Amino acid sequence: MVRKQSGIKNVVKAKNDKQKIVIIGDSHIRSCAAELQQQLRRKYSVSGYVKSGAGMDVIVHSVKEEIGKLNGEDVVVVWGGSK
């Protein structure tokens, strides 16, 4: 939704448009997204993508795909390093 006010263009988020937090990583992140969602409640939409046994190259490739779906206010957490 875009609202003009005194000649200044303000962008206003719709009520259902929550800021997103995406966590992508190896098996060490299992259940992190669910725990974070519980802590943040309704303020954020939290998603977790577990790539069990994946190296950083696979995780980074997944991040590149996911970034295209986000906006400038969203957050991506990349968690890896076991390989």
N, C-alpha and C. Protein backbone atom coordinates (compact mmCIF):
# COMPACT_ATOMS: atom_id res chain seq x y z
N MET A 1 0.84 -1.16 0.00
CA MET A 1 0.00 0.00 0.00
C MET A 1 0.90 1.23 0.00
N VAL A 2 0.60 2.20 -0.82
CA VAL A 2 1.37 3.43 -0.87
C VAL A 2 0.45 4.58 -0.52
N ARG A 3 0.91 5.43 0.36
CA ARG A 3 0.12 6.55 0.81
C ARG A 3 0.91 7.83 0.61
N LYS A 4 0.30 8.88 0.01
CA LYS A 4 0.98 10.16 -0.15
C LYS A 4 0.54 11.08 0.98
N GLN A 5 1.53 11.77 1.53
CA GLN A 5 1.25 12.66 2.65
C GLN A 5 2.12 13.89 2.49
N SER A 6 1.51 15.05 2.30
CA SER A 6 2.23 16.32 2.14
C SER A 6 3.30 16.24 1.05
N GLY A 7 3.00 15.59 -0.04
CA GLY A 7 3.95 15.51 -1.13
C GLY A 7 5.06 14.49 -0.92
N ILE A 8 5.08 13.83 0.22
CA ILE A 8 6.10 12.82 0.51
C ILE A 8 5.47 11.45 0.35
N LYS A 9 6.14 10.60 -0.37
CA LYS A 9 5.61 9.26 -0.62
C LYS A 9 6.06 8.33 0.50
N ASN A 10 5.13 7.77 1.23
CA ASN A 10 5.42 6.82 2.30
C ASN A 10 4.92 5.45 1.91
N VAL A 11 5.72 4.44 2.18
CA VAL A 11 5.30 3.07 1.92
C VAL A 11 4.85 2.49 3.25
N VAL A 12 3.63 1.97 3.28
CA VAL A 12 3.06 1.41 4.50
C VAL A 12 2.81 -0.07 4.29
N LYS A 13 3.30 -0.89 5.19
CA LYS A 13 3.08 -2.33 5.06
C LYS A 13 1.64 -2.68 5.40
N ALA A 14 1.09 -3.61 4.66
CA ALA A 14 -0.23 -4.13 5.00
C ALA A 14 -0.13 -4.90 6.31
N LYS A 15 -1.21 -5.04 7.03
CA LYS A 15 -1.17 -5.71 8.33
C LYS A 15 -0.68 -7.15 8.25
N ASN A 16 -0.98 -7.85 7.18
CA ASN A 16 -0.58 -9.24 7.04
C ASN A 16 0.84 -9.41 6.51
N ASP A 17 1.46 -8.31 6.12
CA ASP A 17 2.78 -8.36 5.51
C ASP A 17 3.86 -8.23 6.59
N LYS A 18 4.18 -9.35 7.22
CA LYS A 18 5.16 -9.36 8.30
C LYS A 18 6.57 -9.35 7.74
N GLN A 19 7.48 -8.80 8.51
CA GLN A 19 8.89 -8.90 8.15
C GLN A 19 9.29 -10.36 8.25
N LYS A 20 10.10 -10.83 7.30
CA LYS A 20 10.46 -12.24 7.24
C LYS A 20 11.87 -12.45 7.77
N ILE A 21 12.05 -13.57 8.46
CA ILE A 21 13.35 -14.04 8.86
C ILE A 21 13.49 -15.44 8.29
N VAL A 22 14.52 -15.65 7.48
CA VAL A 22 14.77 -16.94 6.85
C VAL A 22 16.09 -17.48 7.39
N ILE A 23 16.05 -18.70 7.92
CA ILE A 23 17.25 -19.35 8.44
C ILE A 23 17.55 -20.53 7.52
N ILE A 24 18.75 -20.55 6.95
CA ILE A 24 19.16 -21.63 6.06
C ILE A 24 20.48 -22.18 6.57
N GLY A 25 20.54 -23.50 6.73
CA GLY A 25 21.79 -24.08 7.21
C GLY A 25 21.77 -25.59 7.24
N ASP A 26 22.81 -26.14 7.84
CA ASP A 26 22.93 -27.59 7.95
C ASP A 26 22.10 -28.08 9.13
N SER A 27 22.31 -29.30 9.52
CA SER A 27 21.47 -29.93 10.54
C SER A 27 21.53 -29.23 11.91
N HIS A 28 22.50 -28.37 12.12
CA HIS A 28 22.61 -27.67 13.40
C HIS A 28 21.48 -26.66 13.63
N ILE A 29 20.77 -26.28 12.57
CA ILE A 29 19.69 -25.30 12.75
C ILE A 29 18.34 -25.94 13.00
N ARG A 30 18.30 -27.26 13.03
CA ARG A 30 17.02 -27.95 13.21
C ARG A 30 16.31 -27.40 14.45
N SER A 31 15.10 -27.04 14.32
CA SER A 31 14.20 -26.49 15.35
C SER A 31 14.51 -25.04 15.73
N CYS A 32 15.53 -24.42 15.16
CA CYS A 32 15.82 -23.01 15.46
C CYS A 32 14.70 -22.09 14.99
N ALA A 33 14.18 -22.33 13.79
CA ALA A 33 13.12 -21.48 13.25
C ALA A 33 11.87 -21.55 14.12
N ALA A 34 11.51 -22.75 14.55
CA ALA A 34 10.32 -22.91 15.39
C ALA A 34 10.51 -22.19 16.73
N GLU A 35 11.68 -22.31 17.31
CA GLU A 35 11.96 -21.64 18.58
C GLU A 35 11.94 -20.12 18.41
N LEU A 36 12.54 -19.64 17.34
CA LEU A 36 12.56 -18.20 17.08
C LEU A 36 11.16 -17.67 16.83
N GLN A 37 10.35 -18.40 16.08
CA GLN A 37 8.96 -17.99 15.82
C GLN A 37 8.18 -17.90 17.13
N GLN A 38 8.40 -18.84 18.01
CA GLN A 38 7.71 -18.82 19.30
C GLN A 38 8.12 -17.59 20.12
N GLN A 39 9.39 -17.23 20.07
CA GLN A 39 9.88 -16.08 20.83
C GLN A 39 9.40 -14.75 20.24
N LEU A 40 9.31 -14.67 18.92
CA LEU A 40 8.96 -13.41 18.26
C LEU A 40 7.46 -13.24 18.05
N ARG A 41 6.73 -14.30 18.25
CA ARG A 41 5.26 -14.29 18.15
C ARG A 41 4.76 -13.77 16.81
N ARG A 42 3.95 -12.74 16.86
CA ARG A 42 3.26 -12.27 15.64
C ARG A 42 4.02 -11.20 14.87
N LYS A 43 5.15 -10.74 15.38
CA LYS A 43 5.86 -9.64 14.72
C LYS A 43 6.55 -10.06 13.43
N TYR A 44 6.97 -11.31 13.35
CA TYR A 44 7.76 -11.78 12.22
C TYR A 44 7.24 -13.10 11.69
N SER A 45 7.55 -13.36 10.44
CA SER A 45 7.30 -14.65 9.84
C SER A 45 8.65 -15.34 9.72
N VAL A 46 8.82 -16.47 10.40
CA VAL A 46 10.11 -17.15 10.44
C VAL A 46 10.03 -18.47 9.67
N SER A 47 11.01 -18.69 8.78
CA SER A 47 11.09 -19.94 8.02
C SER A 47 12.48 -20.53 8.19
N GLY A 48 12.55 -21.85 8.23
CA GLY A 48 13.83 -22.52 8.34
C GLY A 48 13.98 -23.57 7.26
N TYR A 49 15.14 -23.61 6.64
CA TYR A 49 15.44 -24.59 5.60
C TYR A 49 16.68 -25.37 6.04
N VAL A 50 16.48 -26.64 6.37
CA VAL A 50 17.57 -27.49 6.84
C VAL A 50 18.11 -28.28 5.66
N LYS A 51 19.39 -28.18 5.45
CA LYS A 51 20.09 -28.92 4.40
C LYS A 51 21.06 -29.87 5.11
N SER A 52 20.54 -30.97 5.63
CA SER A 52 21.34 -31.91 6.41
C SER A 52 22.55 -32.40 5.63
N GLY A 53 23.71 -32.30 6.25
CA GLY A 53 24.94 -32.77 5.65
C GLY A 53 25.47 -31.90 4.52
N ALA A 54 24.83 -30.79 4.27
CA ALA A 54 25.24 -29.93 3.15
C ALA A 54 26.47 -29.12 3.51
N GLY A 55 27.31 -28.91 2.51
CA GLY A 55 28.45 -28.02 2.66
C GLY A 55 28.02 -26.58 2.43
N MET A 56 28.92 -25.67 2.68
CA MET A 56 28.60 -24.25 2.53
C MET A 56 28.22 -23.90 1.09
N ASP A 57 28.79 -24.58 0.09
CA ASP A 57 28.46 -24.27 -1.30
C ASP A 57 26.97 -24.52 -1.58
N VAL A 58 26.42 -25.59 -1.05
CA VAL A 58 25.00 -25.90 -1.23
C VAL A 58 24.14 -24.90 -0.46
N ILE A 59 24.56 -24.58 0.75
CA ILE A 59 23.81 -23.63 1.57
C ILE A 59 23.79 -22.25 0.92
N VAL A 60 24.94 -21.79 0.43
CA VAL A 60 25.02 -20.48 -0.22
C VAL A 60 24.16 -20.46 -1.48
N HIS A 61 24.14 -21.53 -2.24
CA HIS A 61 23.30 -21.59 -3.44
C HIS A 61 21.82 -21.46 -3.05
N SER A 62 21.42 -22.11 -1.97
CA SER A 62 20.04 -22.01 -1.48
C SER A 62 19.70 -20.59 -1.07
N VAL A 63 20.64 -19.91 -0.46
CA VAL A 63 20.43 -18.53 -0.03
C VAL A 63 20.19 -17.64 -1.24
N LYS A 64 20.97 -17.83 -2.28
CA LYS A 64 20.81 -17.01 -3.49
C LYS A 64 19.42 -17.16 -4.08
N GLU A 65 18.87 -18.37 -4.05
CA GLU A 65 17.52 -18.59 -4.56
C GLU A 65 16.48 -17.91 -3.68
N GLU A 66 16.67 -17.97 -2.38
CA GLU A 66 15.70 -17.43 -1.43
C GLU A 66 15.68 -15.91 -1.41
N ILE A 67 16.81 -15.27 -1.62
CA ILE A 67 16.92 -13.81 -1.55
C ILE A 67 15.98 -13.13 -2.53
N GLY A 68 15.77 -13.73 -3.69
CA GLY A 68 14.89 -13.13 -4.70
C GLY A 68 13.45 -12.98 -4.23
N LYS A 69 13.06 -13.71 -3.20
CA LYS A 69 11.69 -13.66 -2.68
C LYS A 69 11.51 -12.65 -1.55
N LEU A 70 12.60 -11.98 -1.16
CA LEU A 70 12.55 -11.12 0.02
C LEU A 70 12.63 -9.65 -0.36
N ASN A 71 12.34 -8.78 0.61
CA ASN A 71 12.50 -7.35 0.38
C ASN A 71 13.63 -6.83 1.27
N GLY A 72 13.91 -5.57 1.21
CA GLY A 72 15.04 -4.97 1.92
C GLY A 72 14.94 -4.99 3.43
N GLU A 73 13.77 -5.22 3.97
CA GLU A 73 13.60 -5.25 5.42
C GLU A 73 13.68 -6.66 6.00
N ASP A 74 13.70 -7.66 5.15
CA ASP A 74 13.75 -9.04 5.62
C ASP A 74 15.17 -9.43 6.01
N VAL A 75 15.29 -10.54 6.74
CA VAL A 75 16.57 -10.98 7.28
C VAL A 75 16.83 -12.42 6.85
N VAL A 76 18.07 -12.70 6.42
CA VAL A 76 18.49 -14.05 6.10
C VAL A 76 19.63 -14.41 7.03
N VAL A 77 19.50 -15.57 7.69
CA VAL A 77 20.56 -16.08 8.56
C VAL A 77 21.14 -17.32 7.87
N VAL A 78 22.44 -17.29 7.61
CA VAL A 78 23.12 -18.43 6.99
C VAL A 78 23.96 -19.07 8.09
N TRP A 79 23.69 -20.35 8.34
CA TRP A 79 24.33 -21.06 9.44
C TRP A 79 24.97 -22.33 8.89
N GLY A 80 26.26 -22.39 8.91
CA GLY A 80 26.94 -23.57 8.40
C GLY A 80 28.39 -23.57 8.85
N GLY A 81 29.10 -24.56 8.39
CA GLY A 81 30.51 -24.61 8.70
C GLY A 81 30.97 -25.94 9.22
N SER A 82 30.07 -26.91 9.30
CA SER A 82 30.46 -28.23 9.80
C SER A 82 31.27 -28.99 8.75
N LYS A 83 31.24 -28.54 7.51
CA LYS A 83 32.01 -29.19 6.44
C LYS A 83 32.93 -28.20 5.81
